[in-house]
C-alpha atoms as a PDB file:
ATOM      1  CA  UNK A   1       0.000   0.000   0.000  1.00  0.00           C
ATOM      2  CA  UNK A   2       2.743   2.436   0.911  1.00  0.00           C
ATOM      3  CA  UNK A   3       4.567   1.740  -2.335  1.00  0.00           C
ATOM      4  CA  UNK A   4       1.389   2.407  -4.329  1.00  0.00           C
ATOM      5  CA  UNK A   5       0.875   5.715  -2.520  1.00  0.00           C
ATOM      6  CA  UNK A   6       4.457   6.770  -3.203  1.00  0.00           C
ATOM      7  CA  UNK A   7       4.078   5.865  -6.883  1.00  0.00           C
ATOM      8  CA  UNK A   8       0.875   7.934  -7.100  1.00  0.00           C
ATOM      9  CA  UNK A   9       2.638  10.917  -5.530  1.00  0.00           C
ATOM     10  CA  UNK A  10       5.511  10.608  -7.973  1.00  0.00           C
ATOM     11  CA  UNK A  11       3.120  10.228 -10.919  1.00  0.00           C
ATOM     12  CA  UNK A  12       1.345  13.499 -10.102  1.00  0.00           C
ATOM     13  CA  UNK A  13       2.523  16.402 -12.314  1.00  0.00           C
ATOM     14  CA  UNK A  14       4.621  18.841 -10.328  1.00  0.00           C
ATOM     15  CA  UNK A  15       3.466  22.461 -10.452  1.00  0.00           C
ATOM     16  CA  UNK A  16       6.049  24.942 -11.745  1.00  0.00           C
ATOM     17  CA  UNK A  17       7.668  26.995  -8.992  1.00  0.00           C
ATOM     18  CA  UNK A  18       6.932  30.701  -8.878  1.00  0.00           C
ATOM     19  CA  UNK A  19      10.451  31.533  -7.664  1.00  0.00           C
ATOM     20  CA  UNK A  20      13.841  30.134  -8.566  1.00  0.00           C
ATOM     21  CA  UNK A  21      15.994  29.332  -5.536  1.00  0.00           C
ATOM     22  CA  UNK A  22      19.795  29.467  -5.595  1.00  0.00           C
ATOM     23  CA  UNK A  23      22.237  28.533  -2.842  1.00  0.00           C
ATOM     24  CA  UNK A  24      25.108  31.033  -2.830  1.00  0.00           C
ATOM     25  CA  UNK A  25      27.144  30.008   0.209  1.00  0.00           C
ATOM     26  CA  UNK A  26      26.974  27.297   2.862  1.00  0.00           C
ATOM     27  CA  UNK A  27      28.937  27.871   6.076  1.00  0.00           C
ATOM     28  CA  UNK A  28      29.395  25.624   9.074  1.00  0.00           C
ATOM     29  CA  UNK A  29      29.058  27.501  12.378  1.00  0.00           C
ATOM     30  CA  UNK A  30      29.452  26.522  16.021  1.00  0.00           C
ATOM     31  CA  UNK A  31      28.127  28.067  19.207  1.00  0.00           C
ATOM     32  CA  UNK A  32      29.744  27.523  22.600  1.00  0.00           C
ATOM     33  CA  UNK A  33      27.372  26.730  25.441  1.00  0.00           C
ATOM     34  CA  UNK A  34      27.642  25.234  28.932  1.00  0.00           C
ATOM     35  CA  UNK A  35      26.818  21.815  27.554  1.00  0.00           C
ATOM     36  CA  UNK A  36      29.440  22.072  24.821  1.00  0.00           C
ATOM     37  CA  UNK A  37      29.642  23.240  21.221  1.00  0.00           C
ATOM     38  CA  UNK A  38      26.401  23.337  19.230  1.00  0.00           C
ATOM     39  CA  UNK A  39      27.138  22.781  15.533  1.00  0.00           C
ATOM     40  CA  UNK A  40      24.949  24.257  12.813  1.00  0.00           C
ATOM     41  CA  UNK A  41      24.853  25.660   9.284  1.00  0.00           C
ATOM     42  CA  UNK A  42      24.155  29.067   7.757  1.00  0.00           C
ATOM     43  CA  UNK A  43      23.083  29.366   4.123  1.00  0.00           C
ATOM     44  CA  UNK A  44      22.812  32.475   1.911  1.00  0.00           C
ATOM     45  CA  UNK A  45      19.865  32.106  -0.467  1.00  0.00           C
ATOM     46  CA  UNK A  46      18.791  34.106  -3.534  1.00  0.00           C
ATOM     47  CA  UNK A  47      15.158  33.932  -4.679  1.00  0.00           C
ATOM     48  CA  UNK A  48      13.685  35.466  -7.838  1.00  0.00           C
ATOM     49  CA  UNK A  49      10.929  35.044 -10.427  1.00  0.00           C
ATOM     50  CA  UNK A  50      13.065  36.260 -13.400  1.00  0.00           C
ATOM     51  CA  UNK A  51      10.445  38.940 -14.041  1.00  0.00           C
ATOM     52  CA  UNK A  52      11.925  41.771 -11.983  1.00  0.00           C
ATOM     53  CA  UNK A  53      11.490  40.500  -8.407  1.00  0.00           C
ATOM     54  CA  UNK A  54      14.442  39.266  -6.347  1.00  0.00           C
ATOM     55  CA  UNK A  55      15.266  38.710  -2.685  1.00  0.00           C
ATOM     56  CA  UNK A  56      18.218  37.637  -0.520  1.00  0.00           C
ATOM     57  CA  UNK A  57      18.034  35.843   2.819  1.00  0.00           C
ATOM     58  CA  UNK A  58      20.275  34.153   5.402  1.00  0.00           C
ATOM     59  CA  UNK A  59      19.011  30.962   7.014  1.00  0.00           C
ATOM     60  CA  UNK A  60      20.456  29.137  10.022  1.00  0.00           C
ATOM     61  CA  UNK A  61      19.687  25.614  11.183  1.00  0.00           C
ATOM     62  CA  UNK A  62      21.047  22.408  12.622  1.00  0.00           C
ATOM     63  CA  UNK A  63      21.133  20.858   9.149  1.00  0.00           C
ATOM     64  CA  UNK A  64      21.487  22.255   5.633  1.00  0.00           C
ATOM     65  CA  UNK A  65      17.887  21.598   4.531  1.00  0.00           C
ATOM     66  CA  UNK A  66      16.340  23.479   7.457  1.00  0.00           C
ATOM     67  CA  UNK A  67      18.775  26.358   6.898  1.00  0.00           C
ATOM     68  CA  UNK A  68      17.806  26.504   3.199  1.00  0.00           C
ATOM     69  CA  UNK A  69      14.077  26.625   4.051  1.00  0.00           C
ATOM     70  CA  UNK A  70      14.619  29.467   6.542  1.00  0.00           C
ATOM     71  CA  UNK A  71      16.777  31.348   4.026  1.00  0.00           C
ATOM     72  CA  UNK A  72      14.077  31.040   1.335  1.00  0.00           C
ATOM     73  CA  UNK A  73      11.415  32.348   3.720  1.00  0.00           C
ATOM     74  CA  UNK A  74      13.529  35.374   4.678  1.00  0.00           C
ATOM     75  CA  UNK A  75      14.364  36.088   1.039  1.00  0.00           C
ATOM     76  CA  UNK A  76      10.664  36.036   0.070  1.00  0.00           C
ATOM     77  CA  UNK A  77       9.889  38.490   2.885  1.00  0.00           C
ATOM     78  CA  UNK A  78      12.441  40.993   1.524  1.00  0.00           C
ATOM     79  CA  UNK A  79      11.569  40.911  -2.183  1.00  0.00           C
ATOM     80  CA  UNK A  80      12.189  44.021  -4.287  1.00  0.00           C
ATOM     81  CA  UNK A  81      11.176  44.921  -7.840  1.00  0.00           C
ATOM     82  CA  UNK A  82      14.119  45.842 -10.066  1.00  0.00           C
ATOM     83  CA  UNK A  83      13.405  48.545 -12.682  1.00  0.00           C
ATOM     84  CA  UNK A  84      14.710  47.480 -16.089  1.00  0.00           C
ATOM     85  CA  UNK A  85      15.218  49.481 -19.257  1.00  0.00           C
ATOM     86  CA  UNK A  86      14.438  46.755 -21.765  1.00  0.00           C
ATOM     87  CA  UNK A  87      16.711  43.853 -20.832  1.00  0.00           C
ATOM     88  CA  UNK A  88      19.249  45.804 -18.751  1.00  0.00           C
ATOM     89  CA  UNK A  89      19.473  48.302 -15.879  1.00  0.00           C
ATOM     90  CA  UNK A  90      18.721  51.978 -16.608  1.00  0.00           C
ATOM     91  CA  UNK A  91      22.045  53.498 -15.494  1.00  0.00           C
ATOM     92  CA  UNK A  92      25.448  52.475 -14.042  1.00  0.00           C
ATOM     93  CA  UNK A  93      26.019  52.320 -10.307  1.00  0.00           C
ATOM     94  CA  UNK A  94      28.986  51.687  -8.017  1.00  0.00           C
ATOM     95  CA  UNK A  95      28.440  50.650  -4.403  1.00  0.00           C
ATOM     96  CA  UNK A  96      30.589  49.903  -1.354  1.00  0.00           C
ATOM     97  CA  UNK A  97      29.033  47.838   1.420  1.00  0.00           C
ATOM     98  CA  UNK A  98      31.459  46.819   4.141  1.00  0.00           C
ATOM     99  CA  UNK A  99      34.426  45.133   2.508  1.00  0.00           C
ATOM    100  CA  UNK A 100      32.480  44.522  -0.734  1.00  0.00           C
ATOM    101  CA  UNK A 101      32.716  46.974  -3.612  1.00  0.00           C
ATOM    102  CA  UNK A 102      30.944  46.304  -6.922  1.00  0.00           C
ATOM    103  CA  UNK A 103      30.161  48.128 -10.148  1.00  0.00           C
ATOM    104  CA  UNK A 104      27.127  47.500 -12.387  1.00  0.00           C
ATOM    105  CA  UNK A 105      26.763  48.907 -15.904  1.00  0.00           C
ATOM    106  CA  UNK A 106      23.999  48.612 -18.521  1.00  0.00           C
ATOM    107  CA  UNK A 107      24.877  46.627 -21.643  1.00  0.00           C
ATOM    108  CA  UNK A 108      23.360  46.528 -25.159  1.00  0.00           C
ATOM    109  CA  UNK A 109      20.911  43.790 -26.031  1.00  0.00           C
ATOM    110  CA  UNK A 110      22.523  40.489 -26.911  1.00  0.00           C
ATOM    111  CA  UNK A 111      25.710  41.043 -24.899  1.00  0.00           C
ATOM    112  CA  UNK A 112      24.556  38.727 -22.073  1.00  0.00           C
ATOM    113  CA  UNK A 113      25.411  38.733 -18.377  1.00  0.00           C
ATOM    114  CA  UNK A 114      29.071  39.639 -17.887  1.00  0.00           C
ATOM    115  CA  UNK A 115      29.409  39.011 -14.165  1.00  0.00           C
ATOM    116  CA  UNK A 116      31.024  36.783 -11.575  1.00  0.00           C
ATOM    117  CA  UNK A 117      29.276  34.060  -9.591  1.00  0.00           C
ATOM    118  CA  UNK A 118      27.693  36.060  -6.727  1.00  0.00           C
ATOM    119  CA  UNK A 119      26.545  38.942  -8.936  1.00  0.00           C
ATOM    120  CA  UNK A 120      25.319  36.551 -11.624  1.00  0.00           C
ATOM    121  CA  UNK A 121      23.121  34.673  -9.134  1.00  0.00           C
ATOM    122  CA  UNK A 122      21.258  37.872  -8.136  1.00  0.00           C
ATOM    123  CA  UNK A 123      21.038  39.282 -11.665  1.00  0.00           C
ATOM    124  CA  UNK A 124      19.759  36.034 -13.193  1.00  0.00           C
ATOM    125  CA  UNK A 125      17.137  35.645 -10.478  1.00  0.00           C
ATOM    126  CA  UNK A 126      15.920  39.191 -11.172  1.00  0.00           C
ATOM    127  CA  UNK A 127      15.601  38.476 -14.918  1.00  0.00           C
ATOM    128  CA  UNK A 128      18.253  40.919 -16.163  1.00  0.00           C
ATOM    129  CA  UNK A 129      19.561  39.517 -19.459  1.00  0.00           C
ATOM    130  CA  UNK A 130      22.239  42.065 -20.425  1.00  0.00           C
ATOM    131  CA  UNK A 131      24.617  43.656 -17.922  1.00  0.00           C
ATOM    132  CA  UNK A 132      28.331  44.142 -17.305  1.00  0.00           C
ATOM    133  CA  UNK A 133      29.801  44.192 -13.803  1.00  0.00           C
ATOM    134  CA  UNK A 134      33.020  44.119 -11.845  1.00  0.00           C
ATOM    135  CA  UNK A 135      33.985  43.052  -8.313  1.00  0.00           C
ATOM    136  CA  UNK A 136      36.530  45.515  -6.886  1.00  0.00           C
ATOM    137  CA  UNK A 137      36.549  44.540  -3.227  1.00  0.00           C
ATOM    138  CA  UNK A 138      36.499  41.300  -1.294  1.00  0.00           C
ATOM    139  CA  UNK A 139      36.036  37.888  -2.875  1.00  0.00           C
ATOM    140  CA  UNK A 140      33.541  36.795  -0.207  1.00  0.00           C
ATOM    141  CA  UNK A 141      30.437  35.581  -2.045  1.00  0.00           C
ATOM    142  CA  UNK A 142      27.918  36.507   0.643  1.00  0.00           C
ATOM    143  CA  UNK A 143      29.245  40.079   0.910  1.00  0.00           C
ATOM    144  CA  UNK A 144      29.093  40.561  -2.871  1.00  0.00           C
ATOM    145  CA  UNK A 145      25.535  39.163  -3.002  1.00  0.00           C
ATOM    146  CA  UNK A 146      24.352  41.630  -0.343  1.00  0.00           C
ATOM    147  CA  UNK A 147      26.156  44.475  -2.127  1.00  0.00           C
ATOM    148  CA  UNK A 148      24.502  43.586  -5.453  1.00  0.00           C
ATOM    149  CA  UNK A 149      21.103  43.401  -3.784  1.00  0.00           C
ATOM    150  CA  UNK A 150      21.659  46.806  -2.159  1.00  0.00           C
ATOM    151  CA  UNK A 151      22.753  48.308  -5.509  1.00  0.00           C
ATOM    152  CA  UNK A 152      19.561  47.092  -7.212  1.00  0.00           C
ATOM    153  CA  UNK A 153      17.543  48.488  -4.298  1.00  0.00           C
ATOM    154  CA  UNK A 154      19.192  51.891  -4.730  1.00  0.00           C
ATOM    155  CA  UNK A 155      18.473  51.829  -8.483  1.00  0.00           C
ATOM    156  CA  UNK A 156      14.766  51.248  -7.793  1.00  0.00           C
ATOM    157  CA  UNK A 157      14.649  54.082  -5.230  1.00  0.00           C
ATOM    158  CA  UNK A 158      16.435  56.510  -7.605  1.00  0.00           C
ATOM    159  CA  UNK A 159      14.057  55.646 -10.454  1.00  0.00           C
ATOM    160  CA  UNK A 160      11.030  56.236  -8.210  1.00  0.00           C
ATOM    161  CA  UNK A 161      12.421  59.486  -6.777  1.00  0.00           C
ATOM    162  CA  UNK A 162      13.438  61.044 -10.097  1.00  0.00           C
ATOM    163  CA  UNK A 163      10.603  59.588 -12.163  1.00  0.00           C
ATOM    164  CA  UNK A 164      12.849  58.116 -14.856  1.00  0.00           C
ATOM    165  CA  UNK A 165      10.907  56.727 -17.822  1.00  0.00           C
ATOM    166  CA  UNK A 166      11.881  53.193 -18.753  1.00  0.00           C
ATOM    167  CA  UNK A 167      11.267  51.124 -21.867  1.00  0.00           C
ATOM    168  CA  UNK A 168       9.748  47.666 -21.776  1.00  0.00           C
ATOM    169  CA  UNK A 169      11.195  44.672 -23.604  1.00  0.00           C
ATOM    170  CA  UNK A 170       8.419  44.896 -26.225  1.00  0.00           C
ATOM    171  CA  UNK A 171       9.268  48.551 -26.972  1.00  0.00           C
ATOM    172  CA  UNK A 172      12.955  47.735 -27.350  1.00  0.00           C
ATOM    173  CA  UNK A 173      12.163  44.868 -29.729  1.00  0.00           C
ATOM    174  CA  UNK A 174       9.914  47.129 -31.830  1.00  0.00           C
ATOM    175  CA  UNK A 175      12.659  49.758 -32.070  1.00  0.00           C
ATOM    176  CA  UNK A 176      15.134  47.095 -33.190  1.00  0.00           C
ATOM    177  CA  UNK A 177      12.699  45.848 -35.837  1.00  0.00           C
ATOM    178  CA  UNK A 178      12.280  49.407 -37.161  1.00  0.00           C
ATOM    179  CA  UNK A 179      16.057  49.855 -37.304  1.00  0.00           C
ATOM    180  CA  UNK A 180      16.453  46.571 -39.185  1.00  0.00           C
ATOM    181  CA  UNK A 181      13.770  47.649 -41.672  1.00  0.00           C
ATOM    182  CA  UNK A 182      15.534  50.974 -42.259  1.00  0.00           C
ATOM    183  CA  UNK A 183      18.853  49.189 -42.790  1.00  0.00           C
ATOM    184  CA  UNK A 184      17.248  46.755 -45.243  1.00  0.00           C
ATOM    185  CA  UNK A 185      15.616  49.608 -47.159  1.00  0.00           C
ATOM    186  CA  UNK A 186      18.877  51.537 -47.324  1.00  0.00           C
ATOM    187  CA  UNK A 187      20.779  48.463 -48.533  1.00  0.00           C
ATOM    188  CA  UNK A 188      18.060  47.764 -51.117  1.00  0.00           C
ATOM    189  CA  UNK A 189      18.285  51.353 -52.416  1.00  0.00           C
ATOM    190  CA  UNK A 190      22.053  51.163 -52.551  1.00  0.00           C
ATOM    191  CA  UNK A 191      21.956  47.875 -54.454  1.00  0.00           C
ATOM    192  CA  UNK A 192      19.352  49.290 -56.861  1.00  0.00           C
ATOM    193  CA  UNK A 193      21.554  52.346 -57.458  1.00  0.00           C
ATOM    194  CA  UNK A 194      24.559  50.132 -58.162  1.00  0.00           C
ATOM    195  CA  UNK A 195      22.543  48.095 -60.656  1.00  0.00           C
ATOM    196  CA  UNK A 196      21.380  51.262 -62.434  1.00  0.00           C
ATOM    197  CA  UNK A 197      24.906  52.654 -62.599  1.00  0.00           C
ATOM    198  CA  UNK A 198      26.154  49.368 -64.046  1.00  0.00           C
ATOM    199  CA  UNK A 199      23.359  49.406 -66.641  1.00  0.00           C
ATOM    200  CA  UNK A 200      24.191  52.995 -67.600  1.00  0.00           C
ATOM    201  CA  UNK A 201      27.876  52.120 -67.976  1.00  0.00           C
ATOM    202  CA  UNK A 202      26.984  49.130 -70.149  1.00  0.00           C
ATOM    203  CA  UNK A 203      24.759  51.279 -72.366  1.00  0.00           C
ATOM    204  CA  UNK A 204      27.517  53.859 -72.787  1.00  0.00           C
ATOM    205  CA  UNK A 205      29.978  51.160 -73.776  1.00  0.00           C
ATOM    206  CA  UNK A 206      27.528  49.808 -76.340  1.00  0.00           C
ATOM    207  CA  UNK A 207      27.007  53.294 -77.825  1.00  0.00           C
ATOM    208  CA  UNK A 208      30.753  53.806 -78.125  1.00  0.00           C
ATOM    209  CA  UNK A 209      31.233  50.484 -79.876  1.00  0.00           C
ATOM    210  CA  UNK A 210      28.378  51.274 -82.274  1.00  0.00           C
ATOM    211  CA  UNK A 211      29.902  54.674 -83.173  1.00  0.00           C
ATOM    212  CA  UNK A 212      33.259  53.103 -83.807  1.00  0.00           C
ATOM    213  CA  UNK A 213      31.708  50.500 -86.094  1.00  0.00           C
ATOM    214  CA  UNK A 214      29.690  53.115 -88.062  1.00  0.00           C
ATOM    215  CA  UNK A 215      32.719  55.296 -88.846  1.00  0.00           C
ATOM    216  CA  UNK A 216      33.838  54.655 -92.500  1.00  0.00           C
ATOM    217  CA  UNK A 217      37.339  53.555 -92.947  1.00  0.00           C
ATOM    218  CA  UNK A 218      39.359  56.066 -95.034  1.00  0.00           C
ATOM    219  CA  UNK A 219      41.908  54.565 -97.358  1.00  0.00           C
ATOM    220  CA  UNK A 220      45.187  56.461 -97.440  1.00  0.00           C
ATOM    221  CA  UNK A 221      46.545  57.158-100.961  1.00  0.00           C
ATOM    222  CA  UNK A 222      50.248  57.518-101.332  1.00  0.00           C
ATOM    223  CA  UNK A 223      51.374  59.873-104.134  1.00  0.00           C
ATOM    224  CA  UNK A 224      54.792  59.481-105.600  1.00  0.00           C
ATOM    225  CA  UNK A 225      56.458  62.502-107.278  1.00  0.00           C
ATOM    226  CA  UNK A 226      58.086  61.873-110.635  1.00  0.00           C
END
């Protein structure tokens, strides 16, 4: 009976998760008490829906699974919406948080995510497709994740405060289509002009050859004096 129940549970289609969960760093910690050392784990988690929402949380537990669950809960409580200009961020930003120092820059469409591991985990979870970044401070993954999260939070606050207008992905794609159409039209006109110029040159050559053929040949007479 138990095997049949387990098979039925496994056969059920799993619902797609709303948020993607990524483990950034797992640390083993110990706490000294009167009874001795209590061992545990702390896990830094990144949660995002790849549609503009992302969160970061730190979970602690006696085992890794319980720490991951606590980290996911904390990350979902502190979700933020990242403003995006098409597929990238609206403007560059440089932030220093503790020993971490990072730089984020917008990138043209199609360039991809140019970032290290900790920054990439936050950016991918937020749904940013094109961005360039650099880690200038510590190599600690947790510190860089928190710094990236804080930088995205500052971008959202600046956009709200200044009222910056952003373009959606659909608008960017339409603009690219219009540019491609203009380029195609210009290339078509240029090719048509080249064809016409070649035709005109061919006609001129034909006219010259016809004139040369029509000219009568004059025979030279040589007169000898006696």
